[in-house]
Amino acid sequence: MSAAGPMLELTEANLPAYLRERGWVVADEPVDVAALGWGVSNAVFRVRADGGLFVVKQSRPQLRTRDAWFSDLDRVWREMEVMQALGPLLPPGVVPAVLHRDRDNYAFAMAHAPEESAVWKEQLLAGVVEPGRGEAAGRILGRIHEATASEPALVAPFADRAVFVQLRVDPFYRRIQERLCDVAAAVEPLVGRMMTVRLALCHGDYSPKNLLAHAAGFTLVDYETAHHGDPAMDLGFCVSHLVLKAVRADDPGPYLDLIRAFWQGYVSEVHALEVAELERWGVAHLGLCLLARIDGTSPVDYLADEAKRERVRRLGRAVLLGPLAAWDAVLERLGD
C-alpha cells in the first residue's frame, strides 16, 4: 500500500510526539526512546512508557551497507502478517505480538522481548556458547518448517518472493555469481530451487542476530524476508553464521558442538519434510552463504583477519563445488 503523502522518517527525537499523536501512548505520560541496532534495513526503537516496554519498527528504502542496496517499503506489512500467522504455532513469547500499525508511514509496534534479553549473536561473539541454546534455536526453526509444511494454506498468502529477491537472492546469491565466476554455475540450482519450491515457510533471515536470548528461551524477530518457499535456505543461512563464529574463535570446538545441537533440535521437530533432502540442500546453501558473507553485498563485520576470511572462502568453495554434502563432513573440515 502506498503512503498518502511523504513518509515521516521516525527518529529518537520525533518519536515521542508521533506516539502521542497516534494514541499509542497516553498523551501526558513520559516517553523514553532508544534506537536499537538491529540489522541494516529498518529503523527500530525501544519505547519505555508508563504502560511498559514495546518496540517500533519502520521500513527504510535504502539499506545501510557498503554497496548500494534498496528494497520495497511494503516489506514491513509482510513481516507483520507473518508474525500474526506464526504466533499461534510457536511457544508463547517466541513471536512478538503486534500492537499497532501505521500504513501511511510504514511502521508498526510490537511487544518487547523480556528486558534482560541479549542478542544471541553478541553472546556467541563473547564466547558464551551453550549447546542447549543451539538445540532451542534448531527446535524453533524446525517447528516453523513443520507447522507450515503441514498447513500450506496458512502460508499461501506469502507466495510473493519480491522482497526475498531484493534482500537475499540478489545481494547474496546473484552477487556471488557476478563476483566469483568459478562458483557461478554451482549457485544456479540453488537460485532455481528458491524461486520454484514451495515446501514450507522460509524465514529468510534466521540468524543469531535475530534471536534474543532470555531465561524463557528465545524471541525471534525480523520476518520481512519470510515467504512460502524453500526451508533448506534457512538451514544454510543460520549454520553459516555459526560456522563464521567458529572460524573466528581460537577454539572452534564449542561452536561445532553448538551446530550439532542445532541440527539435533531441528530434526526432532520435523516429520512432514524429507530431512535428508533438506540437509543436502541446506549444506549447499551454507557454502553460498559463507562466500556471500565475505564477498557479497553485506560482508560480516567481525572477521577482519584475512587469513580467516580466506579460510571461509576455501570452505565455501569446497561445499559448493564438492565433495562436502553433509553437516558432519563440514564440521570435520572445520575441526582440522
C-alpha atoms as a PDB file:
ATOM      1  CA  MET A   1       0.000   0.000   0.000  1.00  0.00           C
ATOM      2  CA  SER A   2       1.402   3.405  -0.933  1.00  0.00           C
ATOM      3  CA  ALA A   3       1.649   6.216   1.569  1.00  0.00           C
ATOM      4  CA  ALA A   4      -0.884   9.065   1.282  1.00  0.00           C
ATOM      5  CA  GLY A   5       1.966  11.602   1.479  1.00  0.00           C
ATOM      6  CA  PRO A   6       5.693  11.756   2.190  1.00  0.00           C
ATOM      7  CA  MET A   7       6.720   9.192   4.783  1.00  0.00           C
ATOM      8  CA  LEU A   8       7.682  10.636   8.152  1.00  0.00           C
ATOM      9  CA  GLU A   9      11.084   9.157   8.961  1.00  0.00           C
ATOM     10  CA  LEU A  10      10.968   8.300  12.633  1.00  0.00           C
ATOM     11  CA  THR A  11      13.864   9.304  14.895  1.00  0.00           C
ATOM     12  CA  GLU A  12      14.599   9.281  18.592  1.00  0.00           C
ATOM     13  CA  ALA A  13      13.729  12.987  18.608  1.00  0.00           C
ATOM     14  CA  ASN A  14      10.337  12.891  16.900  1.00  0.00           C
ATOM     15  CA  LEU A  15       9.075   9.503  18.055  1.00  0.00           C
ATOM     16  CA  PRO A  16       7.562  10.618  21.408  1.00  0.00           C
ATOM     17  CA  ALA A  17       5.335  13.197  19.672  1.00  0.00           C
ATOM     18  CA  TYR A  18       4.455  10.670  16.962  1.00  0.00           C
ATOM     19  CA  LEU A  19       3.367   8.099  19.559  1.00  0.00           C
ATOM     20  CA  ARG A  20       1.225  10.632  21.423  1.00  0.00           C
ATOM     21  CA  GLU A  21      -0.445  11.879  18.242  1.00  0.00           C
ATOM     22  CA  ARG A  22      -1.492   8.341  17.326  1.00  0.00           C
ATOM     23  CA  GLY A  23      -2.597   7.352  20.791  1.00  0.00           C
ATOM     24  CA  TRP A  24      -0.011   4.583  21.095  1.00  0.00           C
ATOM     25  CA  VAL A  25       0.935   6.130  24.455  1.00  0.00           C
ATOM     26  CA  VAL A  26      -1.104   8.261  26.836  1.00  0.00           C
ATOM     27  CA  ALA A  27      -0.817  11.929  25.868  1.00  0.00           C
ATOM     28  CA  ASP A  28       0.787  13.205  29.054  1.00  0.00           C
ATOM     29  CA  GLU A  29       2.904  10.237  30.094  1.00  0.00           C
ATOM     30  CA  PRO A  30       6.719  10.395  29.895  1.00  0.00           C
ATOM     31  CA  VAL A  31       8.237   8.509  26.973  1.00  0.00           C
ATOM     32  CA  ASP A  32      11.829   7.296  26.717  1.00  0.00           C
ATOM     33  CA  VAL A  33      13.087   6.213  23.280  1.00  0.00           C
ATOM     34  CA  ALA A  34      16.291   4.393  22.330  1.00  0.00           C
ATOM     35  CA  ALA A  35      17.370   3.363  18.837  1.00  0.00           C
ATOM     36  CA  LEU A  36      18.222  -0.333  18.540  1.00  0.00           C
ATOM     37  CA  GLY A  37      20.938  -1.627  16.255  1.00  0.00           C
ATOM     38  CA  TRP A  38      19.028  -4.498  14.639  1.00  0.00           C
ATOM     39  CA  GLY A  39      20.134  -5.186  11.087  1.00  0.00           C
ATOM     40  CA  VAL A  40      20.605  -2.776   8.206  1.00  0.00           C
ATOM     41  CA  SER A  41      17.165  -2.459   6.632  1.00  0.00           C
ATOM     42  CA  ASN A  42      14.946  -0.684   9.173  1.00  0.00           C
ATOM     43  CA  ALA A  43      14.769   1.898  11.930  1.00  0.00           C
ATOM     44  CA  VAL A  44      13.981   0.109  15.207  1.00  0.00           C
ATOM     45  CA  PHE A  45      13.277   1.826  18.523  1.00  0.00           C
ATOM     46  CA  ARG A  46      12.682   0.638  22.068  1.00  0.00           C
ATOM     47  CA  VAL A  47       9.970   2.674  23.775  1.00  0.00           C
ATOM     48  CA  ARG A  48       9.598   2.859  27.534  1.00  0.00           C
ATOM     49  CA  ALA A  49       6.391   4.445  28.802  1.00  0.00           C
ATOM     50  CA  ASP A  50       4.205   4.065  31.884  1.00  0.00           C
ATOM     51  CA  GLY A  51       2.382   1.275  30.099  1.00  0.00           C
ATOM     52  CA  GLY A  52       5.597  -0.731  29.769  1.00  0.00           C
ATOM     53  CA  LEU A  53       8.068  -1.540  27.015  1.00  0.00           C
ATOM     54  CA  PHE A  54       7.381  -2.002  23.319  1.00  0.00           C
ATOM     55  CA  VAL A  55       9.241  -1.746  20.006  1.00  0.00           C
ATOM     56  CA  VAL A  56       8.505   0.461  16.988  1.00  0.00           C
ATOM     57  CA  LYS A  57       9.833  -0.605  13.599  1.00  0.00           C
ATOM     58  CA  GLN A  58       9.824   1.353  10.346  1.00  0.00           C
ATOM     59  CA  SER A  59      10.991   0.344   6.867  1.00  0.00           C
ATOM     60  CA  ARG A  60      13.730   2.271   5.147  1.00  0.00           C
ATOM     61  CA  PRO A  61      14.101   2.245   1.326  1.00  0.00           C
ATOM     62  CA  GLN A  62      17.932   2.276   1.300  1.00  0.00           C
ATOM     63  CA  LEU A  63      19.784  -0.194   3.463  1.00  0.00           C
ATOM     64  CA  ARG A  64      22.855   0.704   5.499  1.00  0.00           C
ATOM     65  CA  THR A  65      25.508  -1.308   3.672  1.00  0.00           C
ATOM     66  CA  ARG A  66      28.798  -0.642   1.908  1.00  0.00           C
ATOM     67  CA  ASP A  67      27.220  -1.288  -1.505  1.00  0.00           C
ATOM     68  CA  ALA A  68      24.018   0.438  -2.676  1.00  0.00           C
ATOM     69  CA  TRP A  69      21.041  -1.722  -1.698  1.00  0.00           C
ATOM     70  CA  PHE A  70      17.346  -0.856  -1.918  1.00  0.00           C
ATOM     71  CA  SER A  71      14.094  -2.639  -1.022  1.00  0.00           C
ATOM     72  CA  ASP A  72      10.339  -2.029  -1.104  1.00  0.00           C
ATOM     73  CA  LEU A  73       8.897  -0.293   1.933  1.00  0.00           C
ATOM     74  CA  ASP A  74       5.873  -2.615   1.826  1.00  0.00           C
ATOM     75  CA  ARG A  75       8.000  -5.402   3.257  1.00  0.00           C
ATOM     76  CA  VAL A  76       7.001  -4.197   6.733  1.00  0.00           C
ATOM     77  CA  TRP A  77       3.449  -5.479   6.125  1.00  0.00           C
ATOM     78  CA  ARG A  78       4.689  -8.921   5.077  1.00  0.00           C
ATOM     79  CA  GLU A  79       6.668  -9.021   8.315  1.00  0.00           C
ATOM     80  CA  MET A  80       3.664  -8.086  10.425  1.00  0.00           C
ATOM     81  CA  GLU A  81       1.376 -10.612   8.711  1.00  0.00           C
ATOM     82  CA  VAL A  82       3.894 -13.438   9.064  1.00  0.00           C
ATOM     83  CA  MET A  83       4.238 -12.686  12.769  1.00  0.00           C
ATOM     84  CA  GLN A  84       0.476 -12.872  13.189  1.00  0.00           C
ATOM     85  CA  ALA A  85       0.367 -16.207  11.342  1.00  0.00           C
ATOM     86  CA  LEU A  86       3.281 -17.787  13.228  1.00  0.00           C
ATOM     87  CA  GLY A  87       2.439 -16.548  16.715  1.00  0.00           C
ATOM     88  CA  PRO A  88      -0.156 -19.262  17.477  1.00  0.00           C
ATOM     89  CA  LEU A  89       2.116 -22.013  16.100  1.00  0.00           C
ATOM     90  CA  LEU A  90       5.098 -21.385  18.381  1.00  0.00           C
ATOM     91  CA  PRO A  91       5.539 -21.309  22.178  1.00  0.00           C
ATOM     92  CA  PRO A  92       4.397 -18.086  23.876  1.00  0.00           C
ATOM     93  CA  GLY A  93       6.940 -15.298  23.630  1.00  0.00           C
ATOM     94  CA  VAL A  94       8.826 -16.623  20.599  1.00  0.00           C
ATOM     95  CA  VAL A  95       6.956 -14.313  18.215  1.00  0.00           C
ATOM     96  CA  PRO A  96       6.299 -10.745  19.472  1.00  0.00           C
ATOM     97  CA  ALA A  97       2.644  -9.700  19.468  1.00  0.00           C
ATOM     98  CA  VAL A  98       1.692  -6.942  17.027  1.00  0.00           C
ATOM     99  CA  LEU A  99       0.275  -3.945  18.951  1.00  0.00           C
ATOM    100  CA  HIS A 100      -0.276  -1.085  16.482  1.00  0.00           C
ATOM    101  CA  ARG A 101       0.242  -0.228  12.804  1.00  0.00           C
ATOM    102  CA  ASP A 102       0.598   2.934  10.704  1.00  0.00           C
ATOM    103  CA  ARG A 103       0.283   2.174   6.997  1.00  0.00           C
ATOM    104  CA  ASP A 104       0.943   5.742   5.861  1.00  0.00           C
ATOM    105  CA  ASN A 105       4.385   5.697   7.460  1.00  0.00           C
ATOM    106  CA  TYR A 106       5.288   2.015   7.045  1.00  0.00           C
ATOM    107  CA  ALA A 107       5.609   1.484  10.773  1.00  0.00           C
ATOM    108  CA  PHE A 108       4.215  -0.838  13.397  1.00  0.00           C
ATOM    109  CA  ALA A 109       4.620  -1.508  17.098  1.00  0.00           C
ATOM    110  CA  MET A 110       5.232  -4.910  18.669  1.00  0.00           C
ATOM    111  CA  ALA A 111       5.683  -6.356  22.126  1.00  0.00           C
ATOM    112  CA  HIS A 112       9.182  -6.150  23.602  1.00  0.00           C
ATOM    113  CA  ALA A 113      11.151  -9.266  24.472  1.00  0.00           C
ATOM    114  CA  PRO A 114      11.933  -9.758  28.188  1.00  0.00           C
ATOM    115  CA  GLU A 115      14.033  -6.808  29.289  1.00  0.00           C
ATOM    116  CA  GLU A 116      17.005  -8.945  30.266  1.00  0.00           C
ATOM    117  CA  SER A 117      17.225 -10.345  26.729  1.00  0.00           C
ATOM    118  CA  ALA A 118      20.575 -10.423  24.964  1.00  0.00           C
ATOM    119  CA  VAL A 119      21.195 -10.699  21.237  1.00  0.00           C
ATOM    120  CA  TRP A 120      22.425 -14.269  20.726  1.00  0.00           C
ATOM    121  CA  LYS A 121      24.991 -13.070  18.174  1.00  0.00           C
ATOM    122  CA  GLU A 122      26.643 -10.909  20.810  1.00  0.00           C
ATOM    123  CA  GLN A 123      26.741 -13.775  23.304  1.00  0.00           C
ATOM    124  CA  LEU A 124      28.361 -16.055  20.736  1.00  0.00           C
ATOM    125  CA  LEU A 125      30.961 -13.437  19.822  1.00  0.00           C
ATOM    126  CA  ALA A 126      31.732 -13.049  23.524  1.00  0.00           C
ATOM    127  CA  GLY A 127      32.423 -16.788  23.792  1.00  0.00           C
ATOM    128  CA  VAL A 128      29.180 -17.723  25.579  1.00  0.00           C
ATOM    129  CA  VAL A 129      28.451 -20.937  23.702  1.00  0.00           C
ATOM    130  CA  GLU A 130      25.776 -23.226  25.153  1.00  0.00           C
ATOM    131  CA  PRO A 131      24.661 -26.336  23.217  1.00  0.00           C
ATOM    132  CA  GLY A 132      21.233 -26.032  24.820  1.00  0.00           C
ATOM    133  CA  ARG A 133      20.785 -22.699  23.100  1.00  0.00           C
ATOM    134  CA  GLY A 134      21.734 -24.288  19.802  1.00  0.00           C
ATOM    135  CA  GLU A 135      19.183 -27.047  20.276  1.00  0.00           C
ATOM    136  CA  ALA A 136      16.487 -24.496  21.187  1.00  0.00           C
ATOM    137  CA  ALA A 137      17.239 -22.467  18.047  1.00  0.00           C
ATOM    138  CA  GLY A 138      17.009 -25.618  15.957  1.00  0.00           C
ATOM    139  CA  ARG A 139      13.707 -26.566  17.545  1.00  0.00           C
ATOM    140  CA  ILE A 140      12.142 -23.186  16.799  1.00  0.00           C
ATOM    141  CA  LEU A 141      13.168 -23.347  13.147  1.00  0.00           C
ATOM    142  CA  GLY A 142      12.027 -26.966  12.951  1.00  0.00           C
ATOM    143  CA  ARG A 143       8.612 -26.034  14.349  1.00  0.00           C
ATOM    144  CA  ILE A 144       8.235 -23.217  11.844  1.00  0.00           C
ATOM    145  CA  HIS A 145       9.015 -25.524   8.952  1.00  0.00           C
ATOM    146  CA  GLU A 146       6.985 -28.460  10.258  1.00  0.00           C
ATOM    147  CA  ALA A 147       3.863 -26.459  11.098  1.00  0.00           C
ATOM    148  CA  THR A 148       3.790 -24.586   7.805  1.00  0.00           C
ATOM    149  CA  ALA A 149       4.605 -27.664   5.711  1.00  0.00           C
ATOM    150  CA  SER A 150       1.653 -29.408   7.377  1.00  0.00           C
ATOM    151  CA  GLU A 151      -0.688 -26.450   6.725  1.00  0.00           C
ATOM    152  CA  PRO A 152       0.250 -24.986   3.335  1.00  0.00           C
ATOM    153  CA  ALA A 153      -2.950 -22.899   3.196  1.00  0.00           C
ATOM    154  CA  LEU A 154      -1.631 -20.940   6.163  1.00  0.00           C
ATOM    155  CA  VAL A 155       1.369 -19.676   4.210  1.00  0.00           C
ATOM    156  CA  ALA A 156      -0.195 -19.496   0.755  1.00  0.00           C
ATOM    157  CA  PRO A 157      -0.720 -15.714   1.203  1.00  0.00           C
ATOM    158  CA  PHE A 158       3.069 -15.355   1.434  1.00  0.00           C
ATOM    159  CA  ALA A 159       3.792 -16.658  -2.050  1.00  0.00           C
ATOM    160  CA  ASP A 160       5.326 -13.438  -3.368  1.00  0.00           C
ATOM    161  CA  ARG A 161       9.139 -13.523  -3.268  1.00  0.00           C
ATOM    162  CA  ALA A 162       9.871  -9.918  -4.312  1.00  0.00           C
ATOM    163  CA  VAL A 163      11.392  -8.769  -1.017  1.00  0.00           C
ATOM    164  CA  PHE A 164      13.264 -12.057  -0.591  1.00  0.00           C
ATOM    165  CA  VAL A 165      14.805 -11.482  -4.018  1.00  0.00           C
ATOM    166  CA  GLN A 166      15.735  -7.892  -3.098  1.00  0.00           C
ATOM    167  CA  LEU A 167      17.219  -8.759   0.296  1.00  0.00           C
ATOM    168  CA  ARG A 168      18.636 -12.253  -0.225  1.00  0.00           C
ATOM    169  CA  VAL A 169      18.713 -13.610  -3.783  1.00  0.00           C
ATOM    170  CA  ASP A 170      20.229 -10.533  -5.461  1.00  0.00           C
ATOM    171  CA  PRO A 171      22.714  -9.313  -2.795  1.00  0.00           C
ATOM    172  CA  PHE A 172      23.817 -12.806  -1.718  1.00  0.00           C
ATOM    173  CA  TYR A 173      23.342 -15.378  -4.485  1.00  0.00           C
ATOM    174  CA  ARG A 174      23.419 -13.263  -7.655  1.00  0.00           C
ATOM    175  CA  ARG A 175      26.217 -11.045  -6.340  1.00  0.00           C
ATOM    176  CA  ILE A 176      28.439 -14.062  -5.728  1.00  0.00           C
ATOM    177  CA  GLN A 177      27.690 -15.339  -9.212  1.00  0.00           C
ATOM    178  CA  GLU A 178      28.854 -11.971 -10.562  1.00  0.00           C
ATOM    179  CA  ARG A 179      31.976 -11.695  -8.411  1.00  0.00           C
ATOM    180  CA  LEU A 180      33.149 -15.333  -8.177  1.00  0.00           C
ATOM    181  CA  CYS A 181      32.769 -16.798 -11.634  1.00  0.00           C
ATOM    182  CA  ASP A 182      34.252 -20.156 -10.640  1.00  0.00           C
ATOM    183  CA  VAL A 183      31.186 -20.982  -8.499  1.00  0.00           C
ATOM    184  CA  ALA A 184      28.524 -19.274 -10.631  1.00  0.00           C
ATOM    185  CA  ALA A 185      27.250 -22.495 -12.200  1.00  0.00           C
ATOM    186  CA  ALA A 186      27.040 -24.223  -8.814  1.00  0.00           C
ATOM    187  CA  VAL A 187      24.928 -21.376  -7.426  1.00  0.00           C
ATOM    188  CA  GLU A 188      22.333 -21.513 -10.205  1.00  0.00           C
ATOM    189  CA  PRO A 189      20.494 -24.650  -8.965  1.00  0.00           C
ATOM    190  CA  LEU A 190      20.141 -23.020  -5.531  1.00  0.00           C
ATOM    191  CA  VAL A 191      18.545 -19.934  -7.069  1.00  0.00           C
ATOM    192  CA  GLY A 192      16.297 -22.055  -9.256  1.00  0.00           C
ATOM    193  CA  ARG A 193      15.101 -24.066  -6.278  1.00  0.00           C
ATOM    194  CA  MET A 194      14.457 -20.985  -4.155  1.00  0.00           C
ATOM    195  CA  MET A 195      12.371 -19.443  -6.930  1.00  0.00           C
ATOM    196  CA  THR A 196      10.222 -22.525  -7.563  1.00  0.00           C
ATOM    197  CA  VAL A 197       9.941 -24.739  -4.460  1.00  0.00           C
ATOM    198  CA  ARG A 198       7.092 -24.182  -2.003  1.00  0.00           C
ATOM    199  CA  LEU A 199       7.580 -26.639   0.837  1.00  0.00           C
ATOM    200  CA  ALA A 200       7.149 -24.504   3.973  1.00  0.00           C
ATOM    201  CA  LEU A 201       7.661 -21.001   5.326  1.00  0.00           C
ATOM    202  CA  CYS A 202      11.225 -19.837   4.720  1.00  0.00           C
ATOM    203  CA  HIS A 203      12.089 -17.169   7.299  1.00  0.00           C
ATOM    204  CA  GLY A 204      14.928 -15.909   5.111  1.00  0.00           C
ATOM    205  CA  ASP A 205      16.852 -14.230   7.954  1.00  0.00           C
ATOM    206  CA  TYR A 206      17.099 -16.907  10.633  1.00  0.00           C
ATOM    207  CA  SER A 207      20.351 -15.958  12.325  1.00  0.00           C
ATOM    208  CA  PRO A 208      21.777 -15.268  15.807  1.00  0.00           C
ATOM    209  CA  LYS A 209      21.320 -11.511  15.364  1.00  0.00           C
ATOM    210  CA  ASN A 210      17.562 -12.068  15.200  1.00  0.00           C
ATOM    211  CA  LEU A 211      17.321 -14.414  18.185  1.00  0.00           C
ATOM    212  CA  LEU A 212      17.031 -12.624  21.524  1.00  0.00           C
ATOM    213  CA  ALA A 213      18.094 -14.925  24.349  1.00  0.00           C
ATOM    214  CA  HIS A 214      16.451 -14.825  27.784  1.00  0.00           C
ATOM    215  CA  ALA A 215      15.543 -17.138  30.657  1.00  0.00           C
ATOM    216  CA  ALA A 216      12.431 -18.460  28.902  1.00  0.00           C
ATOM    217  CA  GLY A 217      14.295 -19.272  25.669  1.00  0.00           C
ATOM    218  CA  PHE A 218      14.382 -17.109  22.535  1.00  0.00           C
ATOM    219  CA  THR A 219      12.317 -14.337  20.993  1.00  0.00           C
ATOM    220  CA  LEU A 220      12.612 -14.330  17.201  1.00  0.00           C
ATOM    221  CA  VAL A 221      12.494 -11.041  15.269  1.00  0.00           C
ATOM    222  CA  ASP A 222      12.781  -9.822  11.640  1.00  0.00           C
ATOM    223  CA  TYR A 223      10.312 -11.624   9.370  1.00  0.00           C
ATOM    224  CA  GLU A 224      10.353  -9.299   6.359  1.00  0.00           C
ATOM    225  CA  THR A 225      12.039 -11.813   4.015  1.00  0.00           C
ATOM    226  CA  ALA A 226       9.687 -14.651   5.026  1.00  0.00           C
ATOM    227  CA  HIS A 227       7.793 -16.396   2.233  1.00  0.00           C
ATOM    228  CA  HIS A 228       6.317 -19.738   1.184  1.00  0.00           C
ATOM    229  CA  GLY A 229       9.398 -21.374  -0.280  1.00  0.00           C
ATOM    230  CA  ASP A 230      12.481 -23.483   0.375  1.00  0.00           C
ATOM    231  CA  PRO A 231      13.161 -24.239   4.073  1.00  0.00           C
ATOM    232  CA  ALA A 232      16.651 -25.513   3.237  1.00  0.00           C
ATOM    233  CA  MET A 233      17.748 -21.910   2.698  1.00  0.00           C
ATOM    234  CA  ASP A 234      17.087 -21.174   6.389  1.00  0.00           C
ATOM    235  CA  LEU A 235      19.321 -24.067   7.407  1.00  0.00           C
ATOM    236  CA  GLY A 236      22.295 -22.987   5.325  1.00  0.00           C
ATOM    237  CA  PHE A 237      21.852 -19.334   6.262  1.00  0.00           C
ATOM    238  CA  CYS A 238      21.742 -19.973  10.013  1.00  0.00           C
ATOM    239  CA  VAL A 239      24.551 -22.525  10.092  1.00  0.00           C
ATOM    240  CA  SER A 240      26.746 -20.154   8.071  1.00  0.00           C
ATOM    241  CA  HIS A 241      26.590 -17.660  10.946  1.00  0.00           C
ATOM    242  CA  LEU A 242      27.601 -20.352  13.429  1.00  0.00           C
ATOM    243  CA  VAL A 243      30.440 -21.516  11.175  1.00  0.00           C
ATOM    244  CA  LEU A 244      31.754 -17.955  10.820  1.00  0.00           C
ATOM    245  CA  LYS A 245      31.929 -17.657  14.586  1.00  0.00           C
ATOM    246  CA  ALA A 246      33.740 -20.989  14.788  1.00  0.00           C
ATOM    247  CA  VAL A 247      36.340 -19.727  12.299  1.00  0.00           C
ATOM    248  CA  ARG A 248      36.744 -16.521  14.307  1.00  0.00           C
ATOM    249  CA  ALA A 249      37.291 -18.340  17.614  1.00  0.00           C
ATOM    250  CA  ASP A 250      40.640 -19.595  18.889  1.00  0.00           C
ATOM    251  CA  ASP A 251      38.913 -22.866  19.805  1.00  0.00           C
ATOM    252  CA  PRO A 252      36.182 -23.818  17.319  1.00  0.00           C
ATOM    253  CA  GLY A 253      35.173 -26.937  19.266  1.00  0.00           C
ATOM    254  CA  PRO A 254      32.298 -25.436  21.300  1.00  0.00           C
ATOM    255  CA  TYR A 255      30.809 -23.885  18.155  1.00  0.00           C
ATOM    256  CA  LEU A 256      30.949 -27.211  16.343  1.00  0.00           C
ATOM    257  CA  ASP A 257      29.068 -28.804  19.239  1.00  0.00           C
ATOM    258  CA  LEU A 258      26.576 -25.960  19.001  1.00  0.00           C
ATOM    259  CA  ILE A 259      25.957 -26.701  15.314  1.00  0.00           C
ATOM    260  CA  ARG A 260      25.416 -30.383  16.091  1.00  0.00           C
ATOM    261  CA  ALA A 261      22.934 -29.449  18.813  1.00  0.00           C
ATOM    262  CA  PHE A 262      21.149 -27.078  16.424  1.00  0.00           C
ATOM    263  CA  TRP A 263      20.682 -29.874  13.887  1.00  0.00           C
ATOM    264  CA  GLN A 264      19.530 -32.328  16.546  1.00  0.00           C
ATOM    265  CA  GLY A 265      16.952 -29.828  17.764  1.00  0.00           C
ATOM    266  CA  TYR A 266      15.785 -29.206  14.215  1.00  0.00           C
ATOM    267  CA  VAL A 267      15.309 -32.841  13.198  1.00  0.00           C
ATOM    268  CA  SER A 268      13.471 -33.601  16.444  1.00  0.00           C
ATOM    269  CA  GLU A 269      10.668 -31.304  15.229  1.00  0.00           C
ATOM    270  CA  VAL A 270      10.486 -32.119  11.511  1.00  0.00           C
ATOM    271  CA  HIS A 271       8.374 -35.013  10.269  1.00  0.00           C
ATOM    272  CA  ALA A 272       6.431 -33.699   7.261  1.00  0.00           C
ATOM    273  CA  LEU A 273       9.575 -32.949   5.242  1.00  0.00           C
ATOM    274  CA  GLU A 274      12.377 -35.168   3.947  1.00  0.00           C
ATOM    275  CA  VAL A 275      15.227 -34.426   6.375  1.00  0.00           C
ATOM    276  CA  ALA A 276      17.995 -35.972   4.259  1.00  0.00           C
ATOM    277  CA  GLU A 277      16.997 -33.820   1.286  1.00  0.00           C
ATOM    278  CA  LEU A 278      16.879 -30.705   3.475  1.00  0.00           C
ATOM    279  CA  GLU A 279      20.372 -31.496   4.773  1.00  0.00           C
ATOM    280  CA  ARG A 280      21.786 -31.913   1.273  1.00  0.00           C
ATOM    281  CA  TRP A 281      20.352 -28.619   0.045  1.00  0.00           C
ATOM    282  CA  GLY A 282      20.985 -26.880   3.358  1.00  0.00           C
ATOM    283  CA  VAL A 283      24.700 -27.677   3.147  1.00  0.00           C
ATOM    284  CA  ALA A 284      24.803 -26.264  -0.387  1.00  0.00           C
ATOM    285  CA  HIS A 285      23.153 -23.044   0.839  1.00  0.00           C
ATOM    286  CA  LEU A 286      25.760 -22.958   3.608  1.00  0.00           C
ATOM    287  CA  GLY A 287      28.537 -22.867   1.016  1.00  0.00           C
ATOM    288  CA  LEU A 288      26.968 -19.943  -0.799  1.00  0.00           C
ATOM    289  CA  CYS A 289      26.186 -18.028   2.391  1.00  0.00           C
ATOM    290  CA  LEU A 290      29.776 -18.358   3.600  1.00  0.00           C
ATOM    291  CA  LEU A 291      31.066 -16.808   0.391  1.00  0.00           C
ATOM    292  CA  ALA A 292      28.379 -14.117   0.484  1.00  0.00           C
ATOM    293  CA  ARG A 293      29.350 -13.002   3.985  1.00  0.00           C
ATOM    294  CA  ILE A 294      32.919 -12.436   2.791  1.00  0.00           C
ATOM    295  CA  ASP A 295      32.498 -11.186  -0.789  1.00  0.00           C
ATOM    296  CA  GLY A 296      28.807 -10.271  -1.142  1.00  0.00           C
ATOM    297  CA  THR A 297      26.877  -7.041  -0.631  1.00  0.00           C
ATOM    298  CA  SER A 298      26.777  -7.388   3.161  1.00  0.00           C
ATOM    299  CA  PRO A 299      30.108  -8.809   4.427  1.00  0.00           C
ATOM    300  CA  VAL A 300      30.242  -9.955   8.028  1.00  0.00           C
ATOM    301  CA  ASP A 301      31.505  -7.264  10.391  1.00  0.00           C
ATOM    302  CA  TYR A 302      33.568  -9.332  12.842  1.00  0.00           C
ATOM    303  CA  LEU A 303      36.027 -11.292  10.698  1.00  0.00           C
ATOM    304  CA  ALA A 304      38.762  -8.847   9.719  1.00  0.00           C
ATOM    305  CA  ASP A 305      41.659 -11.313   9.719  1.00  0.00           C
ATOM    306  CA  GLU A 306      42.388 -12.011   6.054  1.00  0.00           C
ATOM    307  CA  ALA A 307      43.756 -15.492   6.710  1.00  0.00           C
ATOM    308  CA  LYS A 308      40.460 -16.439   8.374  1.00  0.00           C
ATOM    309  CA  ARG A 309      38.465 -14.808   5.593  1.00  0.00           C
ATOM    310  CA  GLU A 310      40.397 -16.896   3.089  1.00  0.00           C
ATOM    311  CA  ARG A 311      39.668 -19.999   5.149  1.00  0.00           C
ATOM    312  CA  VAL A 312      35.951 -19.205   4.858  1.00  0.00           C
ATOM    313  CA  ARG A 313      36.321 -18.790   1.094  1.00  0.00           C
ATOM    314  CA  ARG A 314      38.033 -22.181   0.791  1.00  0.00           C
ATOM    315  CA  LEU A 315      35.335 -23.866   2.852  1.00  0.00           C
ATOM    316  CA  GLY A 316      32.535 -22.210   0.890  1.00  0.00           C
ATOM    317  CA  ARG A 317      34.041 -23.377  -2.385  1.00  0.00           C
ATOM    318  CA  ALA A 318      34.634 -26.885  -1.030  1.00  0.00           C
ATOM    319  CA  VAL A 319      30.957 -27.111  -0.138  1.00  0.00           C
ATOM    320  CA  LEU A 320      29.608 -25.625  -3.372  1.00  0.00           C
ATOM    321  CA  LEU A 321      31.949 -27.461  -5.715  1.00  0.00           C
ATOM    322  CA  GLY A 322      32.074 -30.745  -3.775  1.00  0.00           C
ATOM    323  CA  PRO A 323      32.591 -33.147  -2.191  1.00  0.00           C
ATOM    324  CA  LEU A 324      31.173 -31.814   1.127  1.00  0.00           C
ATOM    325  CA  ALA A 325      27.447 -32.609   1.231  1.00  0.00           C
ATOM    326  CA  ALA A 326      26.593 -33.316   4.892  1.00  0.00           C
ATOM    327  CA  TRP A 327      26.884 -31.350   8.125  1.00  0.00           C
ATOM    328  CA  ASP A 328      29.290 -33.903   9.608  1.00  0.00           C
ATOM    329  CA  ALA A 329      31.645 -33.501   6.658  1.00  0.00           C
ATOM    330  CA  VAL A 330      31.611 -29.721   7.029  1.00  0.00           C
ATOM    331  CA  LEU A 331      32.262 -29.926  10.781  1.00  0.00           C
ATOM    332  CA  GLU A 332      35.107 -32.387  10.231  1.00  0.00           C
ATOM    333  CA  ARG A 333      36.730 -29.947   7.807  1.00  0.00           C
ATOM    334  CA  LEU A 334      36.252 -27.100  10.299  1.00  0.00           C
ATOM    335  CA  GLY A 335      37.847 -29.086  13.091  1.00  0.00           C
ATOM    336  CA  ASP A 336      41.008 -29.836  11.113  1.00  0.00           C
END
